[in-house]
Amino acid sequence: MNNKKITRIRRITKFRKNLQKFKITRLLIHRTSRHIYAQVISKNNKILVTASTLESKIKKKLKYTGNIKAAILVGNKIANRSIKKGILNVSFDRSGFKYHGRIKELAKAARYSGLKF
């Protein structure tokens, strides 16, 4: 494994160990070069709500799904779906990715739509 991936995994494990102590519902983000995925995971590690750029409604709106516009759409969609389920407070799990670019814009969109973290 390259050094960049090792440091990202190290950041993930630190954060998730800390979350296990407090048993908090979390908003997990994963990104690739083409897509971005978001999941709301309960205290018991069960997936409650999902949204991603693989959904047909989001794909139709955009030409390319690996950009900031796509991240904003996913952020809005995950916030709306989780609020409908009654989930308002979550912890933002960025999966070790740095907080800039698509990750930052997804978080802003989710906050703007009503999620608190």
C-alpha atoms as a PDB file:
ATOM      1  CA  MET A   1       0.000   0.000   0.000  1.00  0.00           C
ATOM      2  CA  ASN A   2       1.176   3.493  -0.664  1.00  0.00           C
ATOM      3  CA  ASN A   3       1.811   5.999   2.102  1.00  0.00           C
ATOM      4  CA  LYS A   4      -1.223   8.157   1.242  1.00  0.00           C
ATOM      5  CA  LYS A   5      -3.622   5.257   1.695  1.00  0.00           C
ATOM      6  CA  ILE A   6      -1.983   4.145   4.938  1.00  0.00           C
ATOM      7  CA  THR A   7      -2.385   7.600   6.489  1.00  0.00           C
ATOM      8  CA  ARG A   8      -6.034   7.745   5.392  1.00  0.00           C
ATOM      9  CA  ILE A   9      -6.731   4.371   7.005  1.00  0.00           C
ATOM     10  CA  ARG A  10      -4.977   5.541  10.181  1.00  0.00           C
ATOM     11  CA  ARG A  11      -7.257   8.599  10.320  1.00  0.00           C
ATOM     12  CA  ILE A  12     -10.331   6.377   9.838  1.00  0.00           C
ATOM     13  CA  THR A  13      -9.461   4.010  12.671  1.00  0.00           C
ATOM     14  CA  LYS A  14      -8.749   6.814  15.161  1.00  0.00           C
ATOM     15  CA  PHE A  15     -12.059   8.500  14.485  1.00  0.00           C
ATOM     16  CA  ARG A  16     -14.189   5.350  14.480  1.00  0.00           C
ATOM     17  CA  LYS A  17     -12.721   4.058  17.748  1.00  0.00           C
ATOM     18  CA  ASN A  18     -13.708   7.332  19.341  1.00  0.00           C
ATOM     19  CA  LEU A  19     -17.245   7.087  17.907  1.00  0.00           C
ATOM     20  CA  GLN A  20     -17.734   3.580  19.309  1.00  0.00           C
ATOM     21  CA  LYS A  21     -17.338   4.944  22.831  1.00  0.00           C
ATOM     22  CA  PHE A  22     -20.144   7.469  22.443  1.00  0.00           C
ATOM     23  CA  LYS A  23     -22.483   5.344  20.256  1.00  0.00           C
ATOM     24  CA  ILE A  24     -23.519   8.121  17.888  1.00  0.00           C
ATOM     25  CA  THR A  25     -25.369   7.881  14.580  1.00  0.00           C
ATOM     26  CA  ARG A  26     -22.965   8.862  11.813  1.00  0.00           C
ATOM     27  CA  LEU A  27     -23.048  10.226   8.285  1.00  0.00           C
ATOM     28  CA  LEU A  28     -20.426   8.233   6.406  1.00  0.00           C
ATOM     29  CA  ILE A  29     -18.954   9.587   3.176  1.00  0.00           C
ATOM     30  CA  HIS A  30     -16.926   7.724   0.583  1.00  0.00           C
ATOM     31  CA  ARG A  31     -15.625   9.155  -2.648  1.00  0.00           C
ATOM     32  CA  THR A  32     -13.976   7.848  -5.757  1.00  0.00           C
ATOM     33  CA  SER A  33     -12.833   9.736  -8.821  1.00  0.00           C
ATOM     34  CA  ARG A  34     -16.218   9.258 -10.517  1.00  0.00           C
ATOM     35  CA  HIS A  35     -18.768   8.991  -7.706  1.00  0.00           C
ATOM     36  CA  ILE A  36     -19.571  10.034  -4.146  1.00  0.00           C
ATOM     37  CA  TYR A  37     -21.564   7.948  -1.674  1.00  0.00           C
ATOM     38  CA  ALA A  38     -23.270   8.910   1.593  1.00  0.00           C
ATOM     39  CA  GLN A  39     -24.838   6.659   4.240  1.00  0.00           C
ATOM     40  CA  VAL A  40     -26.416   7.302   7.609  1.00  0.00           C
ATOM     41  CA  ILE A  41     -25.413   4.451   9.919  1.00  0.00           C
ATOM     42  CA  SER A  42     -27.047   3.784  13.286  1.00  0.00           C
ATOM     43  CA  LYS A  43     -25.400   3.091  16.628  1.00  0.00           C
ATOM     44  CA  ASN A  44     -25.708  -0.639  15.911  1.00  0.00           C
ATOM     45  CA  ASN A  45     -23.907  -0.326  12.531  1.00  0.00           C
ATOM     46  CA  LYS A  46     -27.085  -0.703  10.485  1.00  0.00           C
ATOM     47  CA  ILE A  47     -27.563   1.412   7.367  1.00  0.00           C
ATOM     48  CA  LEU A  48     -30.614   3.645   7.738  1.00  0.00           C
ATOM     49  CA  VAL A  49     -30.431   5.964   4.714  1.00  0.00           C
ATOM     50  CA  THR A  50     -28.284   6.080   1.574  1.00  0.00           C
ATOM     51  CA  ALA A  51     -27.684   8.430  -1.348  1.00  0.00           C
ATOM     52  CA  SER A  52     -25.107   8.399  -4.113  1.00  0.00           C
ATOM     53  CA  THR A  53     -24.351   9.644  -7.589  1.00  0.00           C
ATOM     54  CA  LEU A  54     -25.268   6.215  -8.954  1.00  0.00           C
ATOM     55  CA  GLU A  55     -28.966   7.039  -8.585  1.00  0.00           C
ATOM     56  CA  SER A  56     -30.690   7.640 -11.889  1.00  0.00           C
ATOM     57  CA  LYS A  57     -32.255  10.986 -10.880  1.00  0.00           C
ATOM     58  CA  ILE A  58     -28.870  12.461 -10.016  1.00  0.00           C
ATOM     59  CA  LYS A  59     -27.196  10.959 -13.085  1.00  0.00           C
ATOM     60  CA  LYS A  60     -29.794  12.541 -15.374  1.00  0.00           C
ATOM     61  CA  LYS A  61     -29.188  16.023 -13.949  1.00  0.00           C
ATOM     62  CA  LEU A  62     -25.419  15.945 -14.477  1.00  0.00           C
ATOM     63  CA  LYS A  63     -23.039  15.061 -17.274  1.00  0.00           C
ATOM     64  CA  TYR A  64     -20.219  14.126 -14.927  1.00  0.00           C
ATOM     65  CA  THR A  65     -20.823  12.755 -11.409  1.00  0.00           C
ATOM     66  CA  GLY A  66     -17.361  13.268  -9.937  1.00  0.00           C
ATOM     67  CA  ASN A  67     -17.604  16.993  -9.260  1.00  0.00           C
ATOM     68  CA  ILE A  68     -18.794  19.466  -6.622  1.00  0.00           C
ATOM     69  CA  LYS A  69     -22.274  19.854  -8.153  1.00  0.00           C
ATOM     70  CA  ALA A  70     -22.871  16.135  -7.725  1.00  0.00           C
ATOM     71  CA  ALA A  71     -21.655  16.265  -4.117  1.00  0.00           C
ATOM     72  CA  ILE A  72     -24.108  19.077  -3.351  1.00  0.00           C
ATOM     73  CA  LEU A  73     -27.003  17.075  -4.809  1.00  0.00           C
ATOM     74  CA  VAL A  74     -26.046  14.013  -2.757  1.00  0.00           C
ATOM     75  CA  GLY A  75     -25.749  16.148   0.383  1.00  0.00           C
ATOM     76  CA  ASN A  76     -29.230  17.579  -0.109  1.00  0.00           C
ATOM     77  CA  LYS A  77     -30.721  14.176  -0.838  1.00  0.00           C
ATOM     78  CA  ILE A  78     -29.156  12.419   2.178  1.00  0.00           C
ATOM     79  CA  ALA A  79     -30.291  15.227   4.499  1.00  0.00           C
ATOM     80  CA  ASN A  80     -33.862  15.173   3.194  1.00  0.00           C
ATOM     81  CA  ARG A  81     -34.116  11.392   3.462  1.00  0.00           C
ATOM     82  CA  SER A  82     -32.696  11.268   6.979  1.00  0.00           C
ATOM     83  CA  ILE A  83     -34.986  14.056   8.193  1.00  0.00           C
ATOM     84  CA  LYS A  84     -37.975  12.120   6.826  1.00  0.00           C
ATOM     85  CA  LYS A  85     -36.819   9.150   8.939  1.00  0.00           C
ATOM     86  CA  GLY A  86     -36.521  11.383  12.002  1.00  0.00           C
ATOM     87  CA  ILE A  87     -32.728  11.562  12.155  1.00  0.00           C
ATOM     88  CA  LEU A  88     -31.558  15.115  12.857  1.00  0.00           C
ATOM     89  CA  ASN A  89     -28.242  14.772  14.714  1.00  0.00           C
ATOM     90  CA  VAL A  90     -25.347  12.846  13.189  1.00  0.00           C
ATOM     91  CA  SER A  91     -21.588  12.748  13.428  1.00  0.00           C
ATOM     92  CA  PHE A  92     -19.746  13.446  10.160  1.00  0.00           C
ATOM     93  CA  ASP A  93     -17.490  10.511   9.234  1.00  0.00           C
ATOM     94  CA  ARG A  94     -15.395  11.567   6.258  1.00  0.00           C
ATOM     95  CA  SER A  95     -13.614   8.178   6.007  1.00  0.00           C
ATOM     96  CA  GLY A  96     -10.187   9.716   6.421  1.00  0.00           C
ATOM     97  CA  PHE A  97     -10.530  12.033   3.436  1.00  0.00           C
ATOM     98  CA  LYS A  98      -9.397  15.606   3.924  1.00  0.00           C
ATOM     99  CA  TYR A  99     -12.139  18.156   4.568  1.00  0.00           C
ATOM    100  CA  HIS A 100     -12.019  20.110   1.318  1.00  0.00           C
ATOM    101  CA  GLY A 101     -13.512  20.021  -2.154  1.00  0.00           C
ATOM    102  CA  ARG A 102     -16.368  17.580  -2.649  1.00  0.00           C
ATOM    103  CA  ILE A 103     -16.389  16.396   0.966  1.00  0.00           C
ATOM    104  CA  LYS A 104     -16.692  19.958   2.268  1.00  0.00           C
ATOM    105  CA  GLU A 105     -19.461  20.879  -0.168  1.00  0.00           C
ATOM    106  CA  LEU A 106     -21.452  17.738   0.650  1.00  0.00           C
ATOM    107  CA  ALA A 107     -21.228  18.602   4.349  1.00  0.00           C
ATOM    108  CA  LYS A 108     -22.328  22.196   3.714  1.00  0.00           C
ATOM    109  CA  ALA A 109     -25.304  21.030   1.641  1.00  0.00           C
ATOM    110  CA  ALA A 110     -26.378  18.541   4.312  1.00  0.00           C
ATOM    111  CA  ARG A 111     -26.146  21.223   7.017  1.00  0.00           C
ATOM    112  CA  TYR A 112     -28.064  23.696   4.890  1.00  0.00           C
ATOM    113  CA  SER A 113     -30.817  21.120   4.331  1.00  0.00           C
ATOM    114  CA  GLY A 114     -31.273  20.591   8.068  1.00  0.00           C
ATOM    115  CA  LEU A 115     -28.849  17.986   9.423  1.00  0.00           C
ATOM    116  CA  LYS A 116     -26.893  18.912  12.538  1.00  0.00           C
ATOM    117  CA  PHE A 117     -23.343  17.713  13.108  1.00  0.00           C
END
